[in-house]
């Protein structure tokens, strides 16, 4: 299983699927199934029963997960999509992510 290089709160671009071209923020990452939930992407209609929070019940629109291979990180410096690499920092020894287009470290 490959390491997932997308993290929560990253800005991403959808590069495939029905929401292609949409930008959004990652809400949740599910590494076990290689999926992520992105704000405003892959909206589905969910039928809900009446409950305390929603006394009427009805149909609710919500985000569904999207495969990690269908999203690409947006480089914070250039606002363009980029691939992500990983490199070990010489000083601290920790692994950091970097944008392959600009070679800048992603915080």
Protein backbone atom coordinates (compact mmCIF):
# COMPACT_ATOMS: atom_id res chain seq x y z
CA UNK A 1 0.00 0.00 0.00
CA UNK A 2 1.44 3.36 -1.05
CA UNK A 3 1.80 6.29 1.33
CA UNK A 4 -0.97 8.88 0.97
CA UNK A 5 0.52 12.32 0.32
CA UNK A 6 -2.70 14.30 0.79
CA UNK A 7 -3.57 15.52 4.28
CA UNK A 8 -6.54 17.12 6.00
CA UNK A 9 -6.99 20.87 5.25
CA UNK A 10 -4.99 20.64 1.97
CA UNK A 11 -6.38 22.54 -1.01
CA UNK A 12 -6.84 20.14 -3.90
CA UNK A 13 -8.07 20.08 -7.50
CA UNK A 14 -10.27 17.26 -8.78
CA UNK A 15 -8.63 15.90 -11.95
CA UNK A 16 -11.10 13.13 -12.85
CA UNK A 17 -14.75 12.20 -12.39
CA UNK A 18 -18.00 14.13 -12.45
CA UNK A 19 -16.57 16.99 -10.36
CA UNK A 20 -13.49 17.44 -12.60
CA UNK A 21 -11.98 20.94 -12.38
CA UNK A 22 -13.45 21.69 -8.94
CA UNK A 23 -11.18 23.04 -6.21
CA UNK A 24 -11.86 22.30 -2.55
CA UNK A 25 -10.46 21.68 0.89
CA UNK A 26 -9.89 18.15 2.21
CA UNK A 27 -12.20 17.46 5.15
CA UNK A 28 -11.18 13.88 5.91
CA UNK A 29 -8.65 11.34 4.63
CA UNK A 30 -9.31 7.59 4.81
CA UNK A 31 -5.92 5.90 4.18
CA UNK A 32 -7.23 2.35 4.60
CA UNK A 33 -9.42 2.64 1.50
CA UNK A 34 -7.40 5.32 -0.38
CA UNK A 35 -10.24 7.84 -0.30
CA UNK A 36 -10.80 11.43 0.85
CA UNK A 37 -13.77 13.73 1.42
CA UNK A 38 -13.44 17.16 -0.22
CA UNK A 39 -15.74 20.16 0.44
CA UNK A 40 -18.35 20.61 -2.29
CA UNK A 41 -17.15 17.64 -4.37
CA UNK A 42 -19.05 14.42 -5.22
CA UNK A 43 -22.33 15.59 -3.69
CA UNK A 44 -24.89 12.83 -3.09
CA UNK A 45 -28.50 12.86 -1.85
CA UNK A 46 -29.04 11.01 1.40
CA UNK A 47 -32.54 10.12 2.62
CA UNK A 48 -32.88 10.70 6.36
CA UNK A 49 -35.53 9.70 8.86
CA UNK A 50 -36.91 12.34 11.22
CA UNK A 51 -34.78 12.80 14.35
CA UNK A 52 -34.11 15.41 17.03
CA UNK A 53 -31.67 17.36 14.84
CA UNK A 54 -33.90 17.22 11.75
CA UNK A 55 -37.57 16.80 12.82
CA UNK A 56 -38.87 16.80 9.23
CA UNK A 57 -36.43 14.24 7.82
CA UNK A 58 -36.20 14.25 4.04
CA UNK A 59 -33.39 14.42 1.51
CA UNK A 60 -30.04 15.91 2.55
CA UNK A 61 -27.18 16.74 0.17
CA UNK A 62 -23.73 15.81 1.50
CA UNK A 63 -20.21 15.10 0.26
CA UNK A 64 -19.22 11.56 -0.53
CA UNK A 65 -15.67 10.24 -0.65
CA UNK A 66 -13.51 10.43 -3.77
CA UNK A 67 -10.52 8.27 -4.65
CA UNK A 68 -7.11 9.74 -3.84
CA UNK A 69 -5.93 9.19 -7.43
CA UNK A 70 -8.61 11.62 -8.66
CA UNK A 71 -7.33 14.63 -6.68
CA UNK A 72 -4.12 16.62 -6.93
CA UNK A 73 -2.61 19.00 -4.39
CA UNK A 74 -2.58 22.71 -5.26
CA UNK A 75 0.83 24.31 -4.71
CA UNK A 76 0.40 27.18 -2.20
CA UNK A 77 3.08 29.29 -3.96
CA UNK A 78 1.74 29.14 -7.53
CA UNK A 79 -1.92 28.08 -7.06
CA UNK A 80 -1.42 25.37 -9.69
CA UNK A 81 -1.77 21.60 -9.24
CA UNK A 82 1.42 19.71 -8.48
CA UNK A 83 2.63 16.23 -7.65
CA UNK A 84 3.92 15.66 -4.13
CA UNK A 85 7.27 14.20 -3.13
CA UNK A 86 8.68 13.28 0.24
CA UNK A 87 12.17 14.00 1.54
CA UNK A 88 13.86 13.61 4.92
CA UNK A 89 14.94 16.89 6.55
CA UNK A 90 18.67 16.89 7.35
CA UNK A 91 18.33 18.89 10.58
CA UNK A 92 15.37 17.26 12.27
CA UNK A 93 15.29 13.89 10.51
CA UNK A 94 11.55 14.19 9.88
CA UNK A 95 9.95 13.47 6.51
CA UNK A 96 8.54 16.55 4.78
CA UNK A 97 6.32 16.92 1.72
CA UNK A 98 7.46 19.09 -1.19
CA UNK A 99 5.92 20.27 -4.44
CA UNK A 100 7.64 18.63 -7.39
CA UNK A 101 7.08 21.63 -9.68
CA UNK A 102 8.67 24.28 -7.46
CA UNK A 103 10.71 22.06 -5.05
CA UNK A 104 9.21 24.08 -2.15
CA UNK A 105 8.41 22.37 1.15
CA UNK A 106 4.67 22.15 1.87
CA UNK A 107 3.73 23.08 5.42
